Amino acid sequence: MIIDILTILPNMFDNFLSESIIKRAIEKELVNINIHNIRDYSSYNHKQVDDTPYGGGSGMVLMCDPIFKAVEALRKEDTLVIMMTPQGETYSQKKAYELSIHKHIIIICGHYEGFDERILSLVDLELSIGDYVLTGGELPSMIVTDSIVRLIDGVINTESHLNDSFNDNLLDYPTYTKPRVYNGMEVPDVLLSGHHENIEKWRMEQRIKKTKEKRPDLMEG
């Protein structure tokens, strides 16, 4: 998989690409993540990428030309173009699975007070990570990228993500490790029994119980 991220703040991605699972996936050549500075595609003076909005108003708006040039330079026949924006579809684990099968994704990071509406003519999917506003789409693009990359075959053990929260609209089951007793709190006996069928039954019961208590909305409908 290839993921190209368009941003005006490329340095924000330095640590993201050099740590943990993302780093290992890149080293294994399971994913190729490229960070592109939108300013590199600007033909304006001083690499300008934004301007004041027509009709007045506060803030600056991302211009069409640099982003059009960037997408056109990078797009392939099977590319999916995503815009990170608060007005987009709310991101979910289901959507992460859908995106993980694509061979090439371009993610555009919105910024400032918004972007020229004509940029949407390039976009296949608008995504939001929640009903709140950030200073830009860089952090959301990292979240989307991380959630996709971990689902690529060979990045992590398949069983690890099959039991993730939100699969089957259920949260994950509680987990424990050593010591067996800590500050009077004990590990449930069933996890120490070695009886795998009983353990799996307990885990499913706990997933249902936790979801009902913490996220009952997931079980509605």
N, C-alpha and C. Protein backbone atom coordinates (compact mmCIF):
# COMPACT_ATOMS: atom_id res chain seq x y z
N MET A 1 0.84 -1.20 0.00
CA MET A 1 0.00 0.00 0.00
C MET A 1 0.87 1.25 0.00
N ILE A 2 0.41 2.26 -0.72
CA ILE A 2 1.07 3.56 -0.74
C ILE A 2 0.10 4.59 -0.17
N ILE A 3 0.58 5.39 0.79
CA ILE A 3 -0.21 6.48 1.34
C ILE A 3 0.57 7.77 1.15
N ASP A 4 0.01 8.69 0.40
CA ASP A 4 0.61 10.01 0.19
C ASP A 4 -0.20 11.03 0.97
N ILE A 5 0.47 11.79 1.84
CA ILE A 5 -0.20 12.78 2.68
C ILE A 5 0.23 14.17 2.26
N LEU A 6 -0.74 15.03 1.94
CA LEU A 6 -0.48 16.40 1.53
C LEU A 6 -0.72 17.33 2.71
N THR A 7 0.29 18.12 3.05
CA THR A 7 0.23 18.95 4.25
C THR A 7 1.07 20.20 4.07
N ILE A 8 0.79 21.23 4.87
CA ILE A 8 1.66 22.40 4.90
C ILE A 8 2.61 22.34 6.10
N LEU A 9 2.48 21.26 6.90
CA LEU A 9 3.32 21.10 8.09
C LEU A 9 3.98 19.72 8.09
N PRO A 10 4.86 19.46 7.15
CA PRO A 10 5.45 18.12 7.01
C PRO A 10 6.26 17.65 8.21
N ASN A 11 6.86 18.58 8.95
CA ASN A 11 7.69 18.17 10.09
C ASN A 11 6.88 17.51 11.20
N MET A 12 5.58 17.74 11.21
CA MET A 12 4.74 17.12 12.23
C MET A 12 4.77 15.59 12.14
N PHE A 13 5.16 15.06 11.00
CA PHE A 13 5.08 13.62 10.77
C PHE A 13 6.39 12.89 11.08
N ASP A 14 7.44 13.61 11.45
CA ASP A 14 8.75 12.99 11.64
C ASP A 14 8.70 11.84 12.65
N ASN A 15 8.22 12.10 13.85
CA ASN A 15 8.17 11.05 14.88
C ASN A 15 7.12 10.00 14.56
N PHE A 16 6.04 10.41 13.96
CA PHE A 16 4.98 9.46 13.61
C PHE A 16 5.50 8.33 12.73
N LEU A 17 6.37 8.67 11.79
CA LEU A 17 6.88 7.68 10.85
C LEU A 17 8.07 6.89 11.38
N SER A 18 8.63 7.32 12.49
CA SER A 18 9.87 6.69 12.97
C SER A 18 9.70 5.94 14.29
N GLU A 19 8.47 5.62 14.65
CA GLU A 19 8.22 4.92 15.90
C GLU A 19 7.25 3.75 15.71
N SER A 20 7.40 2.76 16.57
CA SER A 20 6.41 1.72 16.79
C SER A 20 6.01 0.95 15.52
N ILE A 21 4.72 0.61 15.42
CA ILE A 21 4.21 -0.25 14.36
C ILE A 21 4.36 0.39 12.99
N ILE A 22 4.16 1.70 12.90
CA ILE A 22 4.31 2.38 11.60
C ILE A 22 5.74 2.21 11.08
N LYS A 23 6.71 2.42 11.95
CA LYS A 23 8.11 2.27 11.56
C LYS A 23 8.39 0.85 11.07
N ARG A 24 7.91 -0.15 11.81
CA ARG A 24 8.17 -1.54 11.44
C ARG A 24 7.50 -1.90 10.11
N ALA A 25 6.28 -1.38 9.90
CA ALA A 25 5.58 -1.66 8.65
C ALA A 25 6.33 -1.07 7.46
N ILE A 26 6.90 0.11 7.64
CA ILE A 26 7.69 0.74 6.58
C ILE A 26 8.96 -0.06 6.31
N GLU A 27 9.63 -0.47 7.39
CA GLU A 27 10.87 -1.23 7.25
C GLU A 27 10.64 -2.58 6.58
N LYS A 28 9.48 -3.18 6.82
CA LYS A 28 9.12 -4.45 6.18
C LYS A 28 8.64 -4.26 4.74
N GLU A 29 8.55 -3.00 4.32
CA GLU A 29 8.07 -2.64 3.00
C GLU A 29 6.63 -3.11 2.76
N LEU A 30 5.83 -3.11 3.83
CA LEU A 30 4.42 -3.44 3.73
C LEU A 30 3.60 -2.21 3.40
N VAL A 31 4.16 -1.04 3.65
CA VAL A 31 3.50 0.22 3.33
C VAL A 31 4.57 1.26 2.99
N ASN A 32 4.21 2.15 2.09
CA ASN A 32 5.10 3.25 1.72
C ASN A 32 4.33 4.54 2.01
N ILE A 33 4.78 5.30 3.02
CA ILE A 33 4.09 6.52 3.43
C ILE A 33 4.95 7.72 3.05
N ASN A 34 4.41 8.58 2.21
CA ASN A 34 5.14 9.75 1.73
C ASN A 34 4.46 11.02 2.19
N ILE A 35 5.25 11.94 2.73
CA ILE A 35 4.72 13.22 3.19
C ILE A 35 5.12 14.28 2.18
N HIS A 36 4.12 15.00 1.66
CA HIS A 36 4.36 16.00 0.62
C HIS A 36 3.98 17.38 1.14
N ASN A 37 4.90 18.31 1.01
CA ASN A 37 4.64 19.69 1.39
C ASN A 37 3.87 20.36 0.26
N ILE A 38 2.65 20.80 0.56
CA ILE A 38 1.81 21.43 -0.46
C ILE A 38 2.52 22.64 -1.07
N ARG A 39 3.35 23.31 -0.28
CA ARG A 39 4.06 24.50 -0.78
C ARG A 39 4.98 24.16 -1.96
N ASP A 40 5.44 22.92 -2.03
CA ASP A 40 6.32 22.53 -3.13
C ASP A 40 5.59 22.55 -4.47
N TYR A 41 4.28 22.58 -4.43
CA TYR A 41 3.49 22.57 -5.66
C TYR A 41 2.92 23.96 -5.97
N SER A 42 3.34 24.95 -5.20
CA SER A 42 2.84 26.31 -5.40
C SER A 42 3.68 27.05 -6.44
N SER A 43 3.00 27.72 -7.36
CA SER A 43 3.69 28.54 -8.35
C SER A 43 3.59 30.02 -8.02
N TYR A 44 3.08 30.31 -6.81
CA TYR A 44 2.90 31.69 -6.38
C TYR A 44 4.17 32.18 -5.68
N ASN A 45 4.25 33.49 -5.51
CA ASN A 45 5.39 34.06 -4.79
C ASN A 45 5.44 33.55 -3.36
N HIS A 46 6.64 33.30 -2.87
CA HIS A 46 6.86 32.85 -1.50
C HIS A 46 6.13 31.53 -1.20
N LYS A 47 5.90 30.71 -2.24
CA LYS A 47 5.26 29.41 -2.07
C LYS A 47 3.90 29.53 -1.38
N GLN A 48 3.15 30.54 -1.71
CA GLN A 48 1.84 30.80 -1.11
C GLN A 48 0.88 29.65 -1.41
N VAL A 49 0.11 29.23 -0.39
CA VAL A 49 -0.89 28.18 -0.57
C VAL A 49 -2.27 28.60 -0.08
N ASP A 50 -2.39 29.82 0.45
CA ASP A 50 -3.65 30.26 1.03
C ASP A 50 -3.91 31.72 0.66
N ASP A 51 -5.18 32.12 0.79
CA ASP A 51 -5.53 33.51 0.51
C ASP A 51 -6.80 33.84 1.27
N THR A 52 -7.17 35.13 1.26
CA THR A 52 -8.38 35.57 1.96
C THR A 52 -9.62 35.09 1.21
N PRO A 53 -10.71 34.84 1.93
CA PRO A 53 -11.92 34.32 1.29
C PRO A 53 -12.70 35.39 0.54
N TYR A 54 -13.26 35.03 -0.62
CA TYR A 54 -14.19 35.92 -1.31
C TYR A 54 -15.41 36.14 -0.42
N GLY A 55 -15.93 37.36 -0.42
CA GLY A 55 -17.10 37.67 0.39
C GLY A 55 -16.76 38.11 1.78
N GLY A 56 -15.46 38.12 2.11
CA GLY A 56 -15.03 38.55 3.43
C GLY A 56 -15.08 37.43 4.44
N GLY A 57 -14.65 37.74 5.64
CA GLY A 57 -14.60 36.75 6.72
C GLY A 57 -13.21 36.63 7.27
N SER A 58 -13.11 35.98 8.43
CA SER A 58 -11.81 35.86 9.10
C SER A 58 -11.02 34.69 8.56
N GLY A 59 -9.72 34.75 8.77
CA GLY A 59 -8.86 33.63 8.44
C GLY A 59 -8.49 33.54 6.98
N MET A 60 -7.75 32.47 6.68
CA MET A 60 -7.25 32.22 5.33
C MET A 60 -7.80 30.89 4.83
N VAL A 61 -7.86 30.77 3.51
CA VAL A 61 -8.45 29.58 2.88
C VAL A 61 -7.41 28.94 1.96
N LEU A 62 -7.29 27.62 2.02
CA LEU A 62 -6.37 26.91 1.13
C LEU A 62 -6.81 27.09 -0.31
N MET A 63 -5.84 27.39 -1.19
CA MET A 63 -6.11 27.67 -2.59
C MET A 63 -6.19 26.38 -3.41
N CYS A 64 -6.86 26.48 -4.54
CA CYS A 64 -7.02 25.33 -5.43
C CYS A 64 -5.71 24.87 -6.06
N ASP A 65 -5.00 25.79 -6.68
CA ASP A 65 -3.94 25.42 -7.61
C ASP A 65 -2.87 24.49 -7.02
N PRO A 66 -2.28 24.79 -5.86
CA PRO A 66 -1.25 23.89 -5.34
C PRO A 66 -1.77 22.48 -5.06
N ILE A 67 -2.98 22.38 -4.55
CA ILE A 67 -3.53 21.07 -4.22
C ILE A 67 -3.91 20.31 -5.48
N PHE A 68 -4.49 21.00 -6.47
CA PHE A 68 -4.78 20.34 -7.74
C PHE A 68 -3.50 19.79 -8.36
N LYS A 69 -2.45 20.60 -8.35
CA LYS A 69 -1.19 20.15 -8.95
C LYS A 69 -0.61 18.96 -8.21
N ALA A 70 -0.70 18.97 -6.88
CA ALA A 70 -0.16 17.87 -6.08
C ALA A 70 -0.92 16.57 -6.35
N VAL A 71 -2.24 16.65 -6.31
CA VAL A 71 -3.05 15.45 -6.53
C VAL A 71 -2.84 14.91 -7.95
N GLU A 72 -2.83 15.80 -8.91
CA GLU A 72 -2.65 15.37 -10.31
C GLU A 72 -1.29 14.73 -10.53
N ALA A 73 -0.27 15.19 -9.80
CA ALA A 73 1.08 14.62 -9.93
C ALA A 73 1.18 13.24 -9.29
N LEU A 74 0.38 13.00 -8.26
CA LEU A 74 0.50 11.77 -7.49
C LEU A 74 -0.54 10.71 -7.85
N ARG A 75 -1.67 11.13 -8.36
CA ARG A 75 -2.78 10.20 -8.57
C ARG A 75 -2.46 9.13 -9.60
N LYS A 76 -2.89 7.89 -9.28
CA LYS A 76 -2.77 6.77 -10.20
C LYS A 76 -4.18 6.34 -10.61
N GLU A 77 -4.26 5.29 -11.38
CA GLU A 77 -5.56 4.83 -11.88
C GLU A 77 -6.48 4.38 -10.75
N ASP A 78 -5.91 3.77 -9.71
CA ASP A 78 -6.73 3.20 -8.63
C ASP A 78 -6.64 4.00 -7.33
N THR A 79 -6.28 5.28 -7.41
CA THR A 79 -6.09 6.11 -6.22
C THR A 79 -7.42 6.51 -5.59
N LEU A 80 -7.46 6.48 -4.25
CA LEU A 80 -8.58 7.03 -3.49
C LEU A 80 -8.09 8.32 -2.84
N VAL A 81 -8.78 9.43 -3.08
CA VAL A 81 -8.39 10.73 -2.53
C VAL A 81 -9.30 11.07 -1.36
N ILE A 82 -8.70 11.33 -0.20
CA ILE A 82 -9.44 11.62 1.03
C ILE A 82 -9.12 13.04 1.48
N MET A 83 -10.14 13.77 1.88
CA MET A 83 -9.95 15.09 2.51
C MET A 83 -10.33 14.98 3.98
N MET A 84 -9.41 15.37 4.87
CA MET A 84 -9.72 15.41 6.30
C MET A 84 -10.39 16.74 6.60
N THR A 85 -11.65 16.69 7.02
CA THR A 85 -12.43 17.90 7.28
C THR A 85 -13.54 17.60 8.28
N PRO A 86 -13.88 18.56 9.16
CA PRO A 86 -14.95 18.34 10.14
C PRO A 86 -16.30 18.02 9.53
N GLN A 87 -16.50 18.38 8.26
CA GLN A 87 -17.79 18.14 7.62
C GLN A 87 -17.91 16.73 7.03
N GLY A 88 -16.83 15.94 7.15
CA GLY A 88 -16.82 14.62 6.53
C GLY A 88 -17.55 13.56 7.31
N GLU A 89 -17.62 12.38 6.72
CA GLU A 89 -18.18 11.19 7.36
C GLU A 89 -17.37 10.86 8.61
N THR A 90 -18.05 10.56 9.71
CA THR A 90 -17.35 10.24 10.95
C THR A 90 -16.60 8.91 10.80
N TYR A 91 -15.32 8.93 11.10
CA TYR A 91 -14.45 7.76 10.91
C TYR A 91 -14.82 6.65 11.88
N SER A 92 -14.65 5.41 11.43
CA SER A 92 -15.01 4.25 12.24
C SER A 92 -14.07 3.09 11.92
N GLN A 93 -14.10 2.07 12.76
CA GLN A 93 -13.30 0.86 12.51
C GLN A 93 -13.75 0.19 11.22
N LYS A 94 -15.03 0.20 10.94
CA LYS A 94 -15.53 -0.37 9.69
C LYS A 94 -14.91 0.32 8.49
N LYS A 95 -14.83 1.65 8.56
CA LYS A 95 -14.22 2.40 7.46
C LYS A 95 -12.73 2.10 7.35
N ALA A 96 -12.06 1.90 8.48
CA ALA A 96 -10.64 1.54 8.46
C ALA A 96 -10.43 0.25 7.68
N TYR A 97 -11.27 -0.76 7.92
CA TYR A 97 -11.17 -2.01 7.18
C TYR A 97 -11.38 -1.78 5.68
N GLU A 98 -12.36 -0.94 5.35
CA GLU A 98 -12.63 -0.66 3.94
C GLU A 98 -11.43 0.00 3.27
N LEU A 99 -10.79 0.92 3.98
CA LEU A 99 -9.66 1.64 3.40
C LEU A 99 -8.41 0.78 3.30
N SER A 100 -8.28 -0.20 4.19
CA SER A 100 -7.06 -1.00 4.25
C SER A 100 -6.85 -1.88 3.02
N ILE A 101 -7.87 -2.05 2.19
CA ILE A 101 -7.72 -2.89 0.99
C ILE A 101 -7.31 -2.07 -0.23
N HIS A 102 -7.26 -0.74 -0.10
CA HIS A 102 -6.86 0.09 -1.23
C HIS A 102 -5.34 0.04 -1.42
N LYS A 103 -4.92 0.13 -2.65
CA LYS A 103 -3.49 0.09 -2.97
C LYS A 103 -2.83 1.46 -2.85
N HIS A 104 -3.62 2.51 -3.11
CA HIS A 104 -3.04 3.85 -3.07
C HIS A 104 -4.05 4.84 -2.53
N ILE A 105 -3.66 5.57 -1.50
CA ILE A 105 -4.52 6.58 -0.89
C ILE A 105 -3.77 7.90 -0.82
N ILE A 106 -4.43 8.98 -1.21
CA ILE A 106 -3.92 10.33 -0.99
C ILE A 106 -4.79 10.98 0.08
N ILE A 107 -4.16 11.51 1.12
CA ILE A 107 -4.89 12.20 2.17
C ILE A 107 -4.51 13.68 2.14
N ILE A 108 -5.52 14.53 2.00
CA ILE A 108 -5.29 15.98 2.00
C ILE A 108 -5.62 16.51 3.39
N CYS A 109 -4.67 17.19 4.00
CA CYS A 109 -4.89 17.78 5.32
C CYS A 109 -5.44 19.19 5.17
N GLY A 110 -6.67 19.40 5.56
CA GLY A 110 -7.22 20.74 5.57
C GLY A 110 -6.51 21.61 6.59
N HIS A 111 -6.64 22.91 6.47
CA HIS A 111 -5.97 23.81 7.40
C HIS A 111 -6.62 25.19 7.36
N TYR A 112 -6.15 26.08 8.23
CA TYR A 112 -6.65 27.45 8.31
C TYR A 112 -8.17 27.44 8.55
N GLU A 113 -8.88 28.36 7.88
CA GLU A 113 -10.33 28.47 8.05
C GLU A 113 -11.10 27.59 7.06
N GLY A 114 -10.37 26.75 6.35
CA GLY A 114 -11.03 25.87 5.41
C GLY A 114 -10.28 25.80 4.10
N PHE A 115 -10.95 25.32 3.07
CA PHE A 115 -10.32 25.15 1.77
C PHE A 115 -11.30 25.59 0.69
N ASP A 116 -10.76 25.99 -0.43
CA ASP A 116 -11.60 26.37 -1.57
C ASP A 116 -12.50 25.19 -1.92
N GLU A 117 -13.81 25.43 -1.98
CA GLU A 117 -14.79 24.36 -2.20
C GLU A 117 -14.52 23.57 -3.47
N ARG A 118 -13.88 24.18 -4.45
CA ARG A 118 -13.62 23.49 -5.71
C ARG A 118 -12.63 22.34 -5.57
N ILE A 119 -11.88 22.33 -4.47
CA ILE A 119 -10.95 21.22 -4.23
C ILE A 119 -11.71 19.90 -4.08
N LEU A 120 -12.96 19.99 -3.63
CA LEU A 120 -13.76 18.77 -3.43
C LEU A 120 -14.00 18.02 -4.74
N SER A 121 -13.82 18.68 -5.87
CA SER A 121 -13.98 17.98 -7.15
C SER A 121 -12.90 16.91 -7.35
N LEU A 122 -11.82 17.01 -6.57
CA LEU A 122 -10.74 16.01 -6.62
C LEU A 122 -10.97 14.85 -5.67
N VAL A 123 -11.87 15.03 -4.72
CA VAL A 123 -11.96 14.17 -3.54
C VAL A 123 -13.01 13.07 -3.71
N ASP A 124 -12.61 11.85 -3.31
CA ASP A 124 -13.53 10.71 -3.34
C ASP A 124 -14.25 10.51 -2.01
N LEU A 125 -13.61 10.96 -0.92
CA LEU A 125 -14.17 10.70 0.41
C LEU A 125 -13.75 11.81 1.36
N GLU A 126 -14.71 12.40 2.07
CA GLU A 126 -14.42 13.37 3.13
C GLU A 126 -14.54 12.64 4.47
N LEU A 127 -13.53 12.79 5.33
CA LEU A 127 -13.52 12.10 6.62
C LEU A 127 -13.33 13.07 7.77
N SER A 128 -14.00 12.78 8.88
CA SER A 128 -13.84 13.52 10.13
C SER A 128 -13.58 12.51 11.24
N ILE A 129 -12.74 12.87 12.20
CA ILE A 129 -12.50 11.96 13.33
C ILE A 129 -13.40 12.28 14.52
N GLY A 130 -14.29 13.27 14.37
CA GLY A 130 -15.21 13.59 15.46
C GLY A 130 -15.77 14.99 15.33
N ASP A 131 -16.75 15.26 16.13
CA ASP A 131 -17.44 16.55 16.06
C ASP A 131 -16.74 17.61 16.89
N TYR A 132 -15.55 17.96 16.46
CA TYR A 132 -14.78 19.05 17.06
C TYR A 132 -13.80 19.54 16.01
N VAL A 133 -13.22 20.70 16.24
CA VAL A 133 -12.36 21.31 15.23
C VAL A 133 -10.92 21.40 15.75
N LEU A 134 -9.98 20.98 14.92
CA LEU A 134 -8.56 21.11 15.23
C LEU A 134 -7.95 22.19 14.34
N THR A 135 -6.69 22.51 14.58
CA THR A 135 -6.05 23.54 13.78
C THR A 135 -5.73 23.07 12.37
N GLY A 136 -5.74 21.79 12.15
CA GLY A 136 -5.46 21.27 10.82
C GLY A 136 -5.74 19.79 10.74
N GLY A 137 -5.60 19.23 9.55
CA GLY A 137 -5.90 17.82 9.33
C GLY A 137 -4.73 16.89 9.56
N GLU A 138 -3.61 17.41 10.07
CA GLU A 138 -2.43 16.57 10.23
C GLU A 138 -2.64 15.46 11.26
N LEU A 139 -3.10 15.82 12.46
CA LEU A 139 -3.34 14.78 13.48
C LEU A 139 -4.41 13.79 13.03
N PRO A 140 -5.55 14.24 12.48
CA PRO A 140 -6.52 13.27 11.96
C PRO A 140 -5.93 12.35 10.88
N SER A 141 -5.08 12.88 10.02
CA SER A 141 -4.50 12.03 8.97
C SER A 141 -3.60 10.96 9.58
N MET A 142 -2.91 11.29 10.68
CA MET A 142 -2.09 10.29 11.36
C MET A 142 -2.97 9.20 11.97
N ILE A 143 -4.09 9.60 12.55
CA ILE A 143 -5.01 8.63 13.15
C ILE A 143 -5.54 7.68 12.09
N VAL A 144 -5.96 8.22 10.96
CA VAL A 144 -6.48 7.38 9.89
C VAL A 144 -5.39 6.46 9.36
N THR A 145 -4.20 7.00 9.15
CA THR A 145 -3.09 6.19 8.63
C THR A 145 -2.74 5.07 9.59
N ASP A 146 -2.63 5.37 10.88
CA ASP A 146 -2.30 4.36 11.88
C ASP A 146 -3.33 3.24 11.89
N SER A 147 -4.61 3.62 11.86
CA SER A 147 -5.67 2.62 11.94
C SER A 147 -5.73 1.74 10.70
N ILE A 148 -5.31 2.28 9.55
CA ILE A 148 -5.28 1.50 8.32
C ILE A 148 -4.07 0.56 8.30
N VAL A 149 -2.90 1.11 8.61
CA VAL A 149 -1.66 0.34 8.48
C VAL A 149 -1.67 -0.90 9.36
N ARG A 150 -2.22 -0.81 10.57
CA ARG A 150 -2.21 -1.97 11.46
C ARG A 150 -3.08 -3.11 10.94
N LEU A 151 -3.95 -2.81 9.96
CA LEU A 151 -4.82 -3.85 9.40
C LEU A 151 -4.22 -4.51 8.17
N ILE A 152 -3.12 -3.99 7.66
CA ILE A 152 -2.48 -4.58 6.49
C ILE A 152 -1.87 -5.93 6.87
N ASP A 153 -2.07 -6.92 6.02
CA ASP A 153 -1.53 -8.26 6.28
C ASP A 153 -0.04 -8.21 6.58
N GLY A 154 0.35 -8.83 7.69
CA GLY A 154 1.76 -8.92 8.05
C GLY A 154 2.26 -7.84 8.98
N VAL A 155 1.44 -6.79 9.21
CA VAL A 155 1.89 -5.70 10.08
C VAL A 155 1.79 -6.12 11.54
N ILE A 156 0.63 -6.64 11.95
CA ILE A 156 0.47 -7.21 13.29
C ILE A 156 -0.21 -8.56 13.14
N ASN A 157 -0.22 -9.33 14.22
CA ASN A 157 -0.92 -10.61 14.23
C ASN A 157 -2.40 -10.39 13.93
N THR A 158 -2.95 -11.15 12.97
CA THR A 158 -4.34 -10.96 12.56
C THR A 158 -5.30 -11.09 13.73
N GLU A 159 -5.03 -12.02 14.64
CA GLU A 159 -5.92 -12.21 15.79
C GLU A 159 -6.00 -10.96 16.65
N SER A 160 -4.92 -10.17 16.67
CA SER A 160 -4.89 -8.98 17.51
C SER A 160 -5.94 -7.98 17.08
N HIS A 161 -6.12 -7.78 15.77
CA HIS A 161 -7.11 -6.79 15.36
C HIS A 161 -8.51 -7.38 15.17
N LEU A 162 -8.62 -8.71 15.05
CA LEU A 162 -9.95 -9.30 14.96
C LEU A 162 -10.71 -9.15 16.27
N ASN A 163 -9.97 -9.06 17.40
CA ASN A 163 -10.61 -8.90 18.70
C ASN A 163 -10.65 -7.45 19.17
N ASP A 164 -10.32 -6.51 18.28
CA ASP A 164 -10.32 -5.10 18.65
C ASP A 164 -11.70 -4.63 19.07
N SER A 165 -11.70 -3.55 19.86
CA SER A 165 -12.96 -2.87 20.14
C SER A 165 -13.59 -2.41 18.82
N PHE A 166 -14.92 -2.42 18.81
CA PHE A 166 -15.75 -1.97 17.69
C PHE A 166 -15.96 -3.02 16.61
N ASN A 167 -15.18 -4.11 16.62
CA ASN A 167 -15.53 -5.21 15.73
C ASN A 167 -16.82 -5.83 16.25
N ASP A 168 -17.75 -6.12 15.37
CA ASP A 168 -19.07 -6.67 15.76
C ASP A 168 -19.82 -5.72 16.68
N ASN A 169 -19.49 -4.43 16.63
CA ASN A 169 -20.16 -3.43 17.48
C ASN A 169 -20.01 -3.73 18.97
N LEU A 170 -18.90 -4.34 19.34
CA LEU A 170 -18.64 -4.63 20.75
C LEU A 170 -17.26 -4.09 21.13
N LEU A 171 -17.13 -3.66 22.38
CA LEU A 171 -15.82 -3.26 22.89
C LEU A 171 -14.98 -4.49 23.18
N ASP A 172 -13.69 -4.29 23.36
CA ASP A 172 -12.78 -5.40 23.63
C ASP A 172 -12.98 -5.92 25.06
N TYR A 173 -12.60 -7.16 25.28
CA TYR A 173 -12.70 -7.75 26.63
C TYR A 173 -11.57 -7.24 27.52
N PRO A 174 -11.75 -7.29 28.86
CA PRO A 174 -10.68 -6.85 29.77
C PRO A 174 -9.51 -7.83 29.75
N THR A 175 -8.31 -7.30 29.89
CA THR A 175 -7.11 -8.14 29.92
C THR A 175 -6.31 -7.89 31.19
N TYR A 176 -5.49 -8.87 31.55
CA TYR A 176 -4.70 -8.81 32.78
C TYR A 176 -3.33 -9.42 32.52
N THR A 177 -2.35 -9.03 33.34
CA THR A 177 -1.04 -9.66 33.29
C THR A 177 -0.49 -9.77 34.71
N LYS A 178 0.73 -10.23 34.87
CA LYS A 178 1.33 -10.42 36.20
C LYS A 178 1.49 -9.08 36.92
N PRO A 179 1.36 -9.05 38.25
CA PRO A 179 1.17 -10.19 39.15
C PRO A 179 -0.30 -10.62 39.23
N ARG A 180 -0.52 -11.81 39.78
CA ARG A 180 -1.87 -12.36 39.88
C ARG A 180 -2.74 -11.53 40.81
N VAL A 181 -2.13 -11.00 41.89
CA VAL A 181 -2.85 -10.15 42.84
C VAL A 181 -2.08 -8.84 42.98
N TYR A 182 -2.77 -7.71 42.86
CA TYR A 182 -2.13 -6.40 43.02
C TYR A 182 -3.05 -5.50 43.82
N ASN A 183 -2.53 -5.02 44.96
CA ASN A 183 -3.32 -4.16 45.85
C ASN A 183 -4.69 -4.76 46.17
N GLY A 184 -4.69 -6.07 46.35
CA GLY A 184 -5.92 -6.77 46.70
C GLY A 184 -6.82 -7.09 45.51
N MET A 185 -6.45 -6.65 44.34
CA MET A 185 -7.25 -6.92 43.14
C MET A 185 -6.70 -8.15 42.42
N GLU A 186 -7.58 -9.15 42.21
CA GLU A 186 -7.17 -10.43 41.67
C GLU A 186 -7.57 -10.60 40.21
N VAL A 187 -6.75 -11.37 39.50
CA VAL A 187 -7.09 -11.75 38.14
C VAL A 187 -8.23 -12.76 38.20
N PRO A 188 -9.27 -12.64 37.36
CA PRO A 188 -10.37 -13.61 37.37
C PRO A 188 -9.87 -15.05 37.23
N ASP A 189 -10.43 -15.93 38.03
CA ASP A 189 -9.99 -17.32 38.07
C ASP A 189 -10.06 -18.00 36.71
N VAL A 190 -11.08 -17.65 35.91
CA VAL A 190 -11.27 -18.34 34.64
C VAL A 190 -10.06 -18.16 33.72
N LEU A 191 -9.35 -17.03 33.83
CA LEU A 191 -8.19 -16.79 32.98
C LEU A 191 -6.98 -17.61 33.40
N LEU A 192 -7.05 -18.17 34.59
CA LEU A 192 -5.96 -18.99 35.10
C LEU A 192 -6.27 -20.48 34.98
N SER A 193 -7.47 -20.80 34.46
CA SER A 193 -7.94 -22.18 34.46
C SER A 193 -7.31 -23.04 33.37
N GLY A 194 -6.85 -22.40 32.28
CA GLY A 194 -6.33 -23.17 31.16
C GLY A 194 -7.42 -23.78 30.30
N HIS A 195 -8.67 -23.52 30.63
CA HIS A 195 -9.82 -24.05 29.88
C HIS A 195 -10.20 -23.04 28.80
N HIS A 196 -9.74 -23.27 27.58
CA HIS A 196 -9.86 -22.27 26.53
C HIS A 196 -11.31 -21.97 26.15
N GLU A 197 -12.15 -22.98 26.17
CA GLU A 197 -13.56 -22.76 25.83
C GLU A 197 -14.23 -21.85 26.85
N ASN A 198 -13.95 -22.10 28.13
CA ASN A 198 -14.52 -21.25 29.18
C ASN A 198 -13.97 -19.83 29.12
N ILE A 199 -12.69 -19.71 28.77
CA ILE A 199 -12.07 -18.38 28.65
C ILE A 199 -12.72 -17.59 27.52
N GLU A 200 -12.92 -18.23 26.37
CA GLU A 200 -13.55 -17.54 25.24
C GLU A 200 -14.98 -17.14 25.57
N LYS A 201 -15.70 -18.01 26.27
CA LYS A 201 -17.08 -17.69 26.67
C LYS A 201 -17.09 -16.49 27.61
N TRP A 202 -16.17 -16.49 28.59
CA TRP A 202 -16.07 -15.38 29.55
C TRP A 202 -15.74 -14.08 28.83
N ARG A 203 -14.81 -14.15 27.88
CA ARG A 203 -14.42 -12.95 27.16
C ARG A 203 -15.57 -12.36 26.36
N MET A 204 -16.36 -13.21 25.72
CA MET A 204 -17.52 -12.71 24.98
C MET A 204 -18.54 -12.10 25.93
N GLU A 205 -18.76 -12.73 27.07
CA GLU A 205 -19.69 -12.18 28.06
C GLU A 205 -19.22 -10.82 28.54
N GLN A 206 -17.90 -10.68 28.72
CA GLN A 206 -17.34 -9.41 29.18
C GLN A 206 -17.43 -8.33 28.11
N ARG A 207 -17.26 -8.72 26.86
CA ARG A 207 -17.40 -7.75 25.77
C ARG A 207 -18.82 -7.17 25.75
N ILE A 208 -19.79 -8.05 25.88
CA ILE A 208 -21.19 -7.61 25.88
C ILE A 208 -21.48 -6.73 27.09
N LYS A 209 -21.00 -7.18 28.26
CA LYS A 209 -21.24 -6.43 29.49
C LYS A 209 -20.59 -5.04 29.42
N LYS A 210 -19.34 -4.98 28.98
CA LYS A 210 -18.63 -3.70 28.90
C LYS A 210 -19.30 -2.76 27.91
N THR A 211 -19.75 -3.30 26.79
CA THR A 211 -20.41 -2.46 25.78
C THR A 211 -21.72 -1.90 26.31
N LYS A 212 -22.49 -2.72 27.00
CA LYS A 212 -23.75 -2.26 27.57
C LYS A 212 -23.52 -1.15 28.59
N GLU A 213 -22.43 -1.28 29.37
CA GLU A 213 -22.15 -0.30 30.42
C GLU A 213 -21.55 0.99 29.87
N LYS A 214 -20.62 0.86 28.93
CA LYS A 214 -19.83 2.03 28.50
C LYS A 214 -20.28 2.62 27.18
N ARG A 215 -20.75 1.80 26.26
CA ARG A 215 -21.16 2.30 24.94
C ARG A 215 -22.43 1.59 24.47
N PRO A 216 -23.54 1.77 25.20
CA PRO A 216 -24.77 1.08 24.79
C PRO A 216 -25.24 1.49 23.40
N ASP A 217 -24.81 2.66 22.93
CA ASP A 217 -25.22 3.12 21.59
C ASP A 217 -24.75 2.19 20.50
N LEU A 218 -23.63 1.46 20.76
CA LEU A 218 -23.10 0.55 19.73
C LEU A 218 -24.02 -0.63 19.50
N MET A 219 -24.85 -0.96 20.50
CA MET A 219 -25.70 -2.13 20.41
C MET A 219 -27.11 -1.78 19.92
N GLU A 220 -27.37 -0.50 19.73
CA GLU A 220 -28.68 -0.07 19.25
C GLU A 220 -28.80 -0.32 17.76
N GLY A 221 -29.92 -0.88 17.38
CA GLY A 221 -30.15 -1.13 15.95
C GLY A 221 -29.29 -2.25 15.44
